[in-house]
Amino acid sequence: MGAGRAINPFYHTGVADLLVLYYSAGGSVRRMAELVAEGIERAPGAAARLRTVPGMSSHEKSVPSAGPPYCELGDLEECAGLALGSPTRFGNMAAPLKAFWDGTGLLWQRGTLAELNATRTGGTPYGASHFAGMGDDQPISDAERALCVAQGKRLAEIALQLAK
């Protein structure tokens, strides 16, 4: 891949590969990411690639023994679309996801990356959301599940249209 030229993964595989990248501290964001991936998989011609990032402590840097693998820059280069999920920390994404995202500067310079409501329990102008409660004890509601799946499906459909 040359500088400034991203490959179109749809034309190489016949399937639009959509990256669902998340960090989850208590499990709620992980479950929402799984639901977004489910929505992507419901769109004909789309496939979800579920990835996470390591925590900030040194014991979390090794490859996970269970669950999705850690994201690599190649996952970003190869995807036709991206869904990003994180708990918020004082209005910002969690430090582990921000640390990963801060390491993508080269992809932005190359042009590989480009920037592109309505329930009582979740959903914002930015997409599906969830308030887990102070003790991370609030389950994801049926409305939030539906929003995650719908958002994943919509992302896949848009990526498929753009890939053509």
Protein backbone atom coordinates (compact mmCIF):
# COMPACT_ATOMS: atom_id res chain seq x y z
CA MET A 1 0.00 0.00 0.00
CA GLY A 2 1.49 3.31 -1.07
CA ALA A 3 1.41 6.43 1.01
CA GLY A 4 -1.92 8.22 0.76
CA ARG A 5 -3.65 5.35 -1.01
CA ALA A 6 -5.91 3.05 0.95
CA ILE A 7 -6.97 -0.28 -0.50
CA ASN A 8 -10.65 -0.97 -0.85
CA PRO A 9 -11.15 -4.25 1.04
CA PHE A 10 -14.53 -4.85 -0.58
CA TYR A 11 -13.03 -5.36 -4.02
CA HIS A 12 -10.44 -7.81 -2.76
CA THR A 13 -12.73 -10.14 -0.82
CA GLY A 14 -16.26 -9.43 -2.08
CA VAL A 15 -17.23 -8.67 1.54
CA ALA A 16 -17.02 -5.32 3.34
CA ASP A 17 -15.02 -5.87 6.52
CA LEU A 18 -16.16 -3.48 9.26
CA LEU A 19 -14.04 -2.97 12.34
CA VAL A 20 -15.77 -2.79 15.73
CA LEU A 21 -13.06 -1.42 18.02
CA TYR A 22 -13.73 -0.96 21.71
CA TYR A 23 -12.36 -0.81 25.22
CA SER A 24 -14.50 -2.06 28.09
CA ALA A 25 -13.72 -1.81 31.77
CA GLY A 26 -16.84 -3.40 33.23
CA GLY A 27 -18.30 -5.32 30.32
CA SER A 28 -21.12 -3.04 29.14
CA VAL A 29 -19.18 -1.54 26.23
CA ARG A 30 -17.98 -5.02 25.25
CA ARG A 31 -21.59 -6.23 25.10
CA MET A 32 -22.64 -3.19 23.07
CA ALA A 33 -19.76 -3.83 20.64
CA GLU A 34 -20.92 -7.43 20.26
CA LEU A 35 -24.42 -6.19 19.45
CA VAL A 36 -23.10 -3.69 16.89
CA ALA A 37 -21.14 -6.57 15.33
CA GLU A 38 -24.36 -8.61 15.25
CA GLY A 39 -26.04 -5.79 13.32
CA ILE A 40 -23.15 -5.65 10.85
CA GLU A 41 -23.40 -9.39 10.27
CA ARG A 42 -27.11 -8.96 9.43
CA ALA A 43 -26.25 -6.81 6.41
CA PRO A 44 -25.66 -8.99 3.35
CA GLY A 45 -22.11 -8.59 2.07
CA ALA A 46 -20.72 -7.28 5.37
CA ALA A 47 -18.56 -8.92 8.02
CA ALA A 48 -17.68 -7.65 11.50
CA ARG A 49 -14.12 -7.68 12.82
CA LEU A 50 -14.34 -7.31 16.62
CA ARG A 51 -11.19 -5.92 18.26
CA THR A 52 -10.22 -4.43 21.60
CA VAL A 53 -7.19 -2.65 23.06
CA PRO A 54 -5.05 -3.55 26.08
CA GLY A 55 -5.45 -1.77 29.38
CA MET A 56 -2.81 0.60 30.63
CA SER A 57 -1.18 -1.70 33.20
CA SER A 58 1.76 -3.87 32.15
CA HIS A 59 -0.04 -7.17 32.90
CA GLU A 60 -2.71 -6.30 30.32
CA LYS A 61 -0.27 -5.92 27.39
CA SER A 62 -0.01 -9.63 26.55
CA VAL A 63 -2.27 -11.17 23.92
CA PRO A 64 -5.68 -11.96 25.43
CA SER A 65 -6.33 -15.65 26.04
CA ALA A 66 -10.08 -15.24 25.46
CA GLY A 67 -12.27 -12.80 23.59
CA PRO A 68 -11.34 -10.61 20.65
CA PRO A 69 -7.68 -9.98 19.84
CA TYR A 70 -6.03 -6.61 20.30
CA CYS A 71 -6.41 -4.22 17.39
CA GLU A 72 -3.46 -3.57 15.11
CA LEU A 73 -2.98 -0.69 12.71
CA GLY A 74 -3.54 -3.15 9.85
CA ASP A 75 -7.09 -3.67 11.09
CA LEU A 76 -7.73 0.04 10.52
CA GLU A 77 -6.05 -0.02 7.11
CA GLU A 78 -8.12 -2.98 5.94
CA CYS A 79 -11.59 -2.02 7.19
CA ALA A 80 -14.34 -0.52 5.07
CA GLY A 81 -15.94 1.12 8.10
CA LEU A 82 -15.30 1.68 11.80
CA ALA A 83 -17.48 1.60 14.91
CA LEU A 84 -15.67 2.86 17.99
CA GLY A 85 -16.83 2.20 21.56
CA SER A 86 -15.51 3.36 24.92
CA PRO A 87 -16.66 4.17 28.41
CA THR A 88 -16.26 7.87 29.08
CA ARG A 89 -13.83 9.30 31.57
CA PHE A 90 -14.60 12.93 32.38
CA GLY A 91 -16.11 13.45 28.93
CA ASN A 92 -13.33 11.69 27.04
CA MET A 93 -12.77 8.15 25.86
CA ALA A 94 -11.03 5.75 28.23
CA ALA A 95 -7.23 6.10 28.41
CA PRO A 96 -6.45 2.68 26.83
CA LEU A 97 -8.50 3.46 23.72
CA LYS A 98 -7.16 7.00 23.54
CA ALA A 99 -3.59 5.67 23.78
CA PHE A 100 -4.27 3.34 20.85
CA TRP A 101 -5.98 6.08 18.85
CA ASP A 102 -3.11 8.50 19.54
CA GLY A 103 -0.79 5.97 17.89
CA THR A 104 -2.60 6.16 14.53
CA GLY A 105 -1.01 9.43 13.37
CA LEU A 106 0.85 7.80 10.49
CA LEU A 107 -2.39 6.38 9.09
CA TRP A 108 -3.99 9.85 9.20
CA GLN A 109 -0.93 11.33 7.43
CA ARG A 110 -1.13 8.68 4.71
CA GLY A 111 -4.81 9.41 4.15
CA THR A 112 -5.77 5.89 5.20
CA LEU A 113 -8.18 7.27 7.80
CA ALA A 114 -10.66 10.05 7.06
CA GLU A 115 -13.33 11.63 9.25
CA LEU A 116 -16.44 11.02 8.21
CA ASN A 117 -32.15 9.43 19.45
CA ALA A 118 -34.45 8.71 20.98
CA THR A 119 -34.81 6.48 24.08
CA ARG A 120 -34.87 7.07 27.81
CA THR A 121 -32.04 4.59 28.39
CA GLY A 122 -29.61 5.12 25.52
CA GLY A 123 -29.00 6.75 22.20
CA THR A 124 -27.43 10.09 21.39
CA PRO A 125 -26.71 12.11 18.26
CA TYR A 126 -23.38 10.24 18.27
CA GLY A 127 -24.98 6.79 18.20
CA ALA A 128 -25.91 4.08 20.67
CA SER A 129 -25.05 4.71 24.29
CA HIS A 130 -25.55 3.20 27.73
CA PHE A 131 -25.38 4.45 31.31
CA ALA A 132 -24.05 1.53 33.34
CA GLY A 133 -24.60 3.21 36.71
CA MET A 134 -22.04 4.12 39.33
CA GLY A 135 -21.54 0.48 40.24
CA ASP A 136 -21.66 -0.76 36.62
CA ASP A 137 -24.80 -2.61 37.66
CA GLN A 138 -27.34 -1.41 35.09
CA PRO A 139 -27.93 -3.95 32.32
CA ILE A 140 -28.15 -2.96 28.68
CA SER A 141 -31.83 -2.34 27.94
CA ASP A 142 -33.82 -3.82 25.07
CA ALA A 143 -33.93 -0.36 23.46
CA GLU A 144 -30.13 -0.04 23.73
CA ARG A 145 -29.68 -3.52 22.25
CA ALA A 146 -31.91 -2.56 19.32
CA LEU A 147 -29.95 0.69 18.83
CA CYS A 148 -26.59 -1.14 18.78
CA VAL A 149 -27.80 -3.70 16.25
CA ALA A 150 -29.45 -1.02 14.08
CA GLN A 151 -26.30 1.12 14.18
CA GLY A 152 -24.10 -1.82 13.16
CA LYS A 153 -26.43 -2.71 10.30
CA ARG A 154 -26.57 0.90 9.11
CA LEU A 155 -22.78 1.20 9.24
CA ALA A 156 -22.44 -1.94 7.14
CA GLU A 157 -25.01 -0.78 4.58
CA ILE A 158 -23.29 2.60 4.19
CA ALA A 159 -19.86 0.99 3.86
CA LEU A 160 -21.22 -1.36 1.21
CA GLN A 161 -22.67 1.60 -0.74
CA LEU A 162 -19.42 3.55 -0.48
CA ALA A 163 -17.36 0.54 -1.56
CA LYS A 164 -19.24 0.34 -4.85
